[in-house]
Amino acid sequence: MTSAKQMMERWKRMFSDRDEGWWNNGVNFVCLPGCGQCCDEPGGIVYLSQEDATRIAEHYNVELKEWLTKHCRTTHDGRFVLESNPEDGRCIYLTADKACSIYEVKPSQCSAFPFWRENLVSDRAWRKTKRMCPGIDHPEAILIDGDAIWLKLEQDSLAEEGFRMI
């Protein structure tokens, strides 16, 4: 298994134009109610860990295989990802008022946003993320410390590894 730190090193070698661990001193962030920008991206992919899928299936009180069949698809290499809304390509759990209908059991990758390695790896990537996410440096934001960000990177890394047929 590749750790978040190893994957971050790879991305930095490829794309970095920031100092290593520039976010170690923390980043101001707050998830804003009614925003939904991170879930409102047509064509976005949410990778699922087996724990994510099991937790969400239990939330709906259905068997895991049934939930996977109805609410997921597989990538070209067989990893499970959330299905997108066929009409607009957005997250199937994003409500009309931009709320997450499974917030209490949402996937780990969702919980980790905006602290995904592809968002932190370069100045350009972080600027793009800031333009999309109004919670970064918002006046009501709190300081998310570097250790918490490392944990989010690990969450994202594990989710992206995903799982295949069970």
C-alpha atoms as a PDB file:
ATOM      1  CA  MET A   1       0.000   0.000   0.000  1.00  0.00           C
ATOM      2  CA  THR A   2       1.314   3.428  -0.931  1.00  0.00           C
ATOM      3  CA  SER A   3       1.122   5.994   1.848  1.00  0.00           C
ATOM      4  CA  ALA A   4      -0.169   9.522   1.408  1.00  0.00           C
ATOM      5  CA  LYS A   5       3.342  10.782   2.060  1.00  0.00           C
ATOM      6  CA  GLN A   6       4.813   8.626  -0.736  1.00  0.00           C
ATOM      7  CA  MET A   7       2.080   9.634  -3.163  1.00  0.00           C
ATOM      8  CA  MET A   8       2.563  13.311  -2.245  1.00  0.00           C
ATOM      9  CA  GLU A   9       6.309  12.978  -2.942  1.00  0.00           C
ATOM     10  CA  ARG A  10       5.549  11.543  -6.383  1.00  0.00           C
ATOM     11  CA  TRP A  11       3.141  14.373  -7.197  1.00  0.00           C
ATOM     12  CA  LYS A  12       5.626  16.970  -5.947  1.00  0.00           C
ATOM     13  CA  ARG A  13       8.370  15.587  -8.187  1.00  0.00           C
ATOM     14  CA  MET A  14       6.014  15.865 -11.134  1.00  0.00           C
ATOM     15  CA  PHE A  15       4.229  19.157 -10.527  1.00  0.00           C
ATOM     16  CA  SER A  16       5.444  21.058  -7.501  1.00  0.00           C
ATOM     17  CA  ASP A  17       6.138  24.759  -7.545  1.00  0.00           C
ATOM     18  CA  ARG A  18       5.614  25.212  -3.801  1.00  0.00           C
ATOM     19  CA  ASP A  19       7.885  24.576  -0.874  1.00  0.00           C
ATOM     20  CA  GLU A  20       7.571  21.135   0.674  1.00  0.00           C
ATOM     21  CA  GLY A  21       4.762  20.990   3.207  1.00  0.00           C
ATOM     22  CA  TRP A  22       3.808  24.644   2.684  1.00  0.00           C
ATOM     23  CA  TRP A  23       0.553  23.851   4.528  1.00  0.00           C
ATOM     24  CA  ASN A  24       2.295  22.403   7.610  1.00  0.00           C
ATOM     25  CA  ASN A  25       1.614  25.658   9.488  1.00  0.00           C
ATOM     26  CA  GLY A  26      -2.075  25.234   8.732  1.00  0.00           C
ATOM     27  CA  VAL A  27      -4.690  26.477   6.305  1.00  0.00           C
ATOM     28  CA  ASN A  28      -7.794  28.512   7.098  1.00  0.00           C
ATOM     29  CA  PHE A  29     -10.871  26.565   6.057  1.00  0.00           C
ATOM     30  CA  VAL A  30     -14.530  26.082   6.908  1.00  0.00           C
ATOM     31  CA  CYS A  31     -17.090  23.934   5.111  1.00  0.00           C
ATOM     32  CA  LEU A  32     -19.910  26.378   4.381  1.00  0.00           C
ATOM     33  CA  PRO A  33     -23.518  25.200   4.713  1.00  0.00           C
ATOM     34  CA  GLY A  34     -25.399  25.383   1.424  1.00  0.00           C
ATOM     35  CA  CYS A  35     -22.217  25.689  -0.642  1.00  0.00           C
ATOM     36  CA  GLY A  36     -21.898  22.263  -2.277  1.00  0.00           C
ATOM     37  CA  GLN A  37     -19.265  23.483  -4.746  1.00  0.00           C
ATOM     38  CA  CYS A  38     -17.086  20.401  -4.232  1.00  0.00           C
ATOM     39  CA  CYS A  39     -20.053  18.109  -4.996  1.00  0.00           C
ATOM     40  CA  ASP A  40     -21.410  20.209  -7.829  1.00  0.00           C
ATOM     41  CA  GLU A  41     -18.678  19.355 -10.334  1.00  0.00           C
ATOM     42  CA  PRO A  42     -20.046  17.482 -13.338  1.00  0.00           C
ATOM     43  CA  GLY A  43     -18.002  14.384 -14.019  1.00  0.00           C
ATOM     44  CA  GLY A  44     -16.348  14.349 -10.599  1.00  0.00           C
ATOM     45  CA  ILE A  45     -15.226  10.983  -9.280  1.00  0.00           C
ATOM     46  CA  VAL A  46     -15.615   9.901  -5.661  1.00  0.00           C
ATOM     47  CA  TYR A  47     -13.532   6.830  -4.916  1.00  0.00           C
ATOM     48  CA  LEU A  48     -14.841   4.562  -2.197  1.00  0.00           C
ATOM     49  CA  SER A  49     -13.064   2.506   0.396  1.00  0.00           C
ATOM     50  CA  GLN A  50     -14.763  -0.711   1.436  1.00  0.00           C
ATOM     51  CA  GLU A  51     -15.462   0.947   4.782  1.00  0.00           C
ATOM     52  CA  ASP A  52     -17.196   3.855   3.004  1.00  0.00           C
ATOM     53  CA  ALA A  53     -19.395   1.531   0.966  1.00  0.00           C
ATOM     54  CA  THR A  54     -20.283  -0.624   3.980  1.00  0.00           C
ATOM     55  CA  ARG A  55     -21.132   2.434   6.101  1.00  0.00           C
ATOM     56  CA  ILE A  56     -23.395   3.946   3.438  1.00  0.00           C
ATOM     57  CA  ALA A  57     -25.119   0.608   2.698  1.00  0.00           C
ATOM     58  CA  GLU A  58     -25.799   0.165   6.425  1.00  0.00           C
ATOM     59  CA  HIS A  59     -27.169   3.716   6.537  1.00  0.00           C
ATOM     60  CA  TYR A  60     -29.727   2.647   3.913  1.00  0.00           C
ATOM     61  CA  ASN A  61     -30.245  -0.703   5.643  1.00  0.00           C
ATOM     62  CA  VAL A  62     -29.440  -2.657   2.468  1.00  0.00           C
ATOM     63  CA  GLU A  63     -26.908  -5.326   1.617  1.00  0.00           C
ATOM     64  CA  LEU A  64     -23.575  -4.006   0.415  1.00  0.00           C
ATOM     65  CA  LYS A  65     -23.834  -5.699  -2.980  1.00  0.00           C
ATOM     66  CA  GLU A  66     -27.305  -4.203  -3.558  1.00  0.00           C
ATOM     67  CA  TRP A  67     -26.088  -0.694  -2.686  1.00  0.00           C
ATOM     68  CA  LEU A  68     -23.030  -1.068  -4.931  1.00  0.00           C
ATOM     69  CA  THR A  69     -25.221  -2.218  -7.827  1.00  0.00           C
ATOM     70  CA  LYS A  70     -27.690   0.676  -7.478  1.00  0.00           C
ATOM     71  CA  HIS A  71     -25.449   3.577  -6.474  1.00  0.00           C
ATOM     72  CA  CYS A  72     -21.969   2.857  -7.823  1.00  0.00           C
ATOM     73  CA  ARG A  73     -20.065   2.061 -10.953  1.00  0.00           C
ATOM     74  CA  THR A  74     -16.566   0.778 -11.512  1.00  0.00           C
ATOM     75  CA  THR A  75     -13.597   2.507 -13.056  1.00  0.00           C
ATOM     76  CA  HIS A  76     -11.607   0.986 -15.921  1.00  0.00           C
ATOM     77  CA  ASP A  77      -9.469  -0.855 -13.348  1.00  0.00           C
ATOM     78  CA  GLY A  78     -12.436  -2.125 -11.323  1.00  0.00           C
ATOM     79  CA  ARG A  79     -12.466   0.291  -8.372  1.00  0.00           C
ATOM     80  CA  PHE A  80     -15.870   1.322  -7.068  1.00  0.00           C
ATOM     81  CA  VAL A  81     -16.860   4.992  -7.350  1.00  0.00           C
ATOM     82  CA  LEU A  82     -20.118   6.766  -6.612  1.00  0.00           C
ATOM     83  CA  GLU A  83     -22.499   6.929  -9.521  1.00  0.00           C
ATOM     84  CA  SER A  84     -23.194  10.415 -10.874  1.00  0.00           C
ATOM     85  CA  ASN A  85     -26.597  11.889 -11.581  1.00  0.00           C
ATOM     86  CA  PRO A  86     -27.316  10.951 -15.224  1.00  0.00           C
ATOM     87  CA  GLU A  87     -29.001  14.291 -15.980  1.00  0.00           C
ATOM     88  CA  ASP A  88     -26.192  16.617 -14.907  1.00  0.00           C
ATOM     89  CA  GLY A  89     -23.172  14.477 -13.931  1.00  0.00           C
ATOM     90  CA  ARG A  90     -23.154  15.732 -10.355  1.00  0.00           C
ATOM     91  CA  CYS A  91     -23.098  13.764  -7.117  1.00  0.00           C
ATOM     92  CA  ILE A  92     -26.215  11.646  -6.623  1.00  0.00           C
ATOM     93  CA  TYR A  93     -26.347  12.681  -2.964  1.00  0.00           C
ATOM     94  CA  LEU A  94     -26.278  16.452  -3.571  1.00  0.00           C
ATOM     95  CA  THR A  95     -29.718  17.887  -2.806  1.00  0.00           C
ATOM     96  CA  ALA A  96     -31.388  20.814  -4.561  1.00  0.00           C
ATOM     97  CA  ASP A  97     -30.374  23.105  -1.679  1.00  0.00           C
ATOM     98  CA  LYS A  98     -26.701  22.051  -2.078  1.00  0.00           C
ATOM     99  CA  ALA A  99     -26.615  19.828   0.986  1.00  0.00           C
ATOM    100  CA  CYS A 100     -25.272  16.289   1.247  1.00  0.00           C
ATOM    101  CA  SER A 101     -28.107  13.860   1.875  1.00  0.00           C
ATOM    102  CA  ILE A 102     -25.661  11.367   3.438  1.00  0.00           C
ATOM    103  CA  TYR A 103     -23.515  13.900   5.322  1.00  0.00           C
ATOM    104  CA  GLU A 104     -23.321  11.746   8.474  1.00  0.00           C
ATOM    105  CA  VAL A 105     -21.895   8.794   6.511  1.00  0.00           C
ATOM    106  CA  LYS A 106     -20.294  10.552   3.539  1.00  0.00           C
ATOM    107  CA  PRO A 107     -17.259   8.960   1.860  1.00  0.00           C
ATOM    108  CA  SER A 108     -13.798   9.594   3.279  1.00  0.00           C
ATOM    109  CA  GLN A 109     -12.686  11.316   0.107  1.00  0.00           C
ATOM    110  CA  CYS A 110     -15.502  13.847   0.535  1.00  0.00           C
ATOM    111  CA  SER A 111     -14.505  14.456   4.159  1.00  0.00           C
ATOM    112  CA  ALA A 112     -10.914  15.082   3.101  1.00  0.00           C
ATOM    113  CA  PHE A 113     -11.738  17.899   0.656  1.00  0.00           C
ATOM    114  CA  PRO A 114     -10.074  20.369  -0.046  1.00  0.00           C
ATOM    115  CA  PHE A 115      -7.005  18.601   1.322  1.00  0.00           C
ATOM    116  CA  TRP A 116      -6.432  16.240  -1.595  1.00  0.00           C
ATOM    117  CA  ARG A 117      -2.844  15.841  -2.765  1.00  0.00           C
ATOM    118  CA  GLU A 118      -3.685  17.087  -6.264  1.00  0.00           C
ATOM    119  CA  ASN A 119      -4.984  20.297  -4.672  1.00  0.00           C
ATOM    120  CA  LEU A 120      -1.931  20.813  -2.439  1.00  0.00           C
ATOM    121  CA  VAL A 121       0.851  19.823  -4.787  1.00  0.00           C
ATOM    122  CA  SER A 122       1.334  23.125  -6.595  1.00  0.00           C
ATOM    123  CA  ASP A 123       0.544  26.786  -6.332  1.00  0.00           C
ATOM    124  CA  ARG A 124      -1.504  26.569  -9.524  1.00  0.00           C
ATOM    125  CA  ALA A 125      -3.558  23.648  -8.178  1.00  0.00           C
ATOM    126  CA  TRP A 126      -4.191  25.407  -4.857  1.00  0.00           C
ATOM    127  CA  ARG A 127      -5.241  28.650  -6.587  1.00  0.00           C
ATOM    128  CA  LYS A 128      -7.701  26.664  -8.718  1.00  0.00           C
ATOM    129  CA  THR A 129      -9.081  24.975  -5.589  1.00  0.00           C
ATOM    130  CA  LYS A 130      -9.413  28.340  -3.809  1.00  0.00           C
ATOM    131  CA  ARG A 131     -11.383  29.754  -6.748  1.00  0.00           C
ATOM    132  CA  MET A 132     -13.797  26.815  -6.533  1.00  0.00           C
ATOM    133  CA  CYS A 133     -14.053  26.548  -2.731  1.00  0.00           C
ATOM    134  CA  PRO A 134     -15.290  29.659  -0.910  1.00  0.00           C
ATOM    135  CA  GLY A 135     -14.521  28.050   2.480  1.00  0.00           C
ATOM    136  CA  ILE A 136     -10.768  28.467   2.024  1.00  0.00           C
ATOM    137  CA  ASP A 137      -9.661  31.679   3.792  1.00  0.00           C
ATOM    138  CA  HIS A 138     -13.314  32.553   4.475  1.00  0.00           C
ATOM    139  CA  PRO A 139     -13.748  35.128   7.304  1.00  0.00           C
ATOM    140  CA  GLU A 140     -15.339  32.411   9.479  1.00  0.00           C
ATOM    141  CA  ALA A 141     -12.664  29.809   8.657  1.00  0.00           C
ATOM    142  CA  ILE A 142     -10.706  28.099  11.378  1.00  0.00           C
ATOM    143  CA  LEU A 143      -7.065  27.115  11.191  1.00  0.00           C
ATOM    144  CA  ILE A 144      -6.719  23.473  10.143  1.00  0.00           C
ATOM    145  CA  ASP A 145      -3.294  22.460  11.425  1.00  0.00           C
ATOM    146  CA  GLY A 146      -0.693  20.574   9.427  1.00  0.00           C
ATOM    147  CA  ASP A 147      -1.223  17.313  11.330  1.00  0.00           C
ATOM    148  CA  ALA A 148      -4.943  17.363  10.534  1.00  0.00           C
ATOM    149  CA  ILE A 149      -4.129  18.057   6.892  1.00  0.00           C
ATOM    150  CA  TRP A 150      -1.778  15.037   6.812  1.00  0.00           C
ATOM    151  CA  LEU A 151      -4.648  12.919   8.128  1.00  0.00           C
ATOM    152  CA  LYS A 152      -6.905  14.262   5.359  1.00  0.00           C
ATOM    153  CA  LEU A 153      -4.221  13.418   2.798  1.00  0.00           C
ATOM    154  CA  GLU A 154      -4.089   9.882   4.168  1.00  0.00           C
ATOM    155  CA  GLN A 155      -7.916   9.632   3.991  1.00  0.00           C
ATOM    156  CA  ASP A 156      -7.844  10.757   0.375  1.00  0.00           C
ATOM    157  CA  SER A 157      -5.034   8.360  -0.473  1.00  0.00           C
ATOM    158  CA  LEU A 158      -6.818   5.367   1.036  1.00  0.00           C
ATOM    159  CA  ALA A 159     -10.082   6.279  -0.671  1.00  0.00           C
ATOM    160  CA  GLU A 160      -8.366   6.663  -4.022  1.00  0.00           C
ATOM    161  CA  GLU A 161      -6.848   3.201  -3.687  1.00  0.00           C
ATOM    162  CA  GLY A 162     -10.455   2.100  -3.479  1.00  0.00           C
ATOM    163  CA  PHE A 163     -11.581  -1.474  -3.540  1.00  0.00           C
ATOM    164  CA  ARG A 164     -12.627  -3.905  -6.182  1.00  0.00           C
ATOM    165  CA  MET A 165     -15.131  -6.750  -6.315  1.00  0.00           C
ATOM    166  CA  ILE A 166     -15.853  -8.193  -2.921  1.00  0.00           C
END
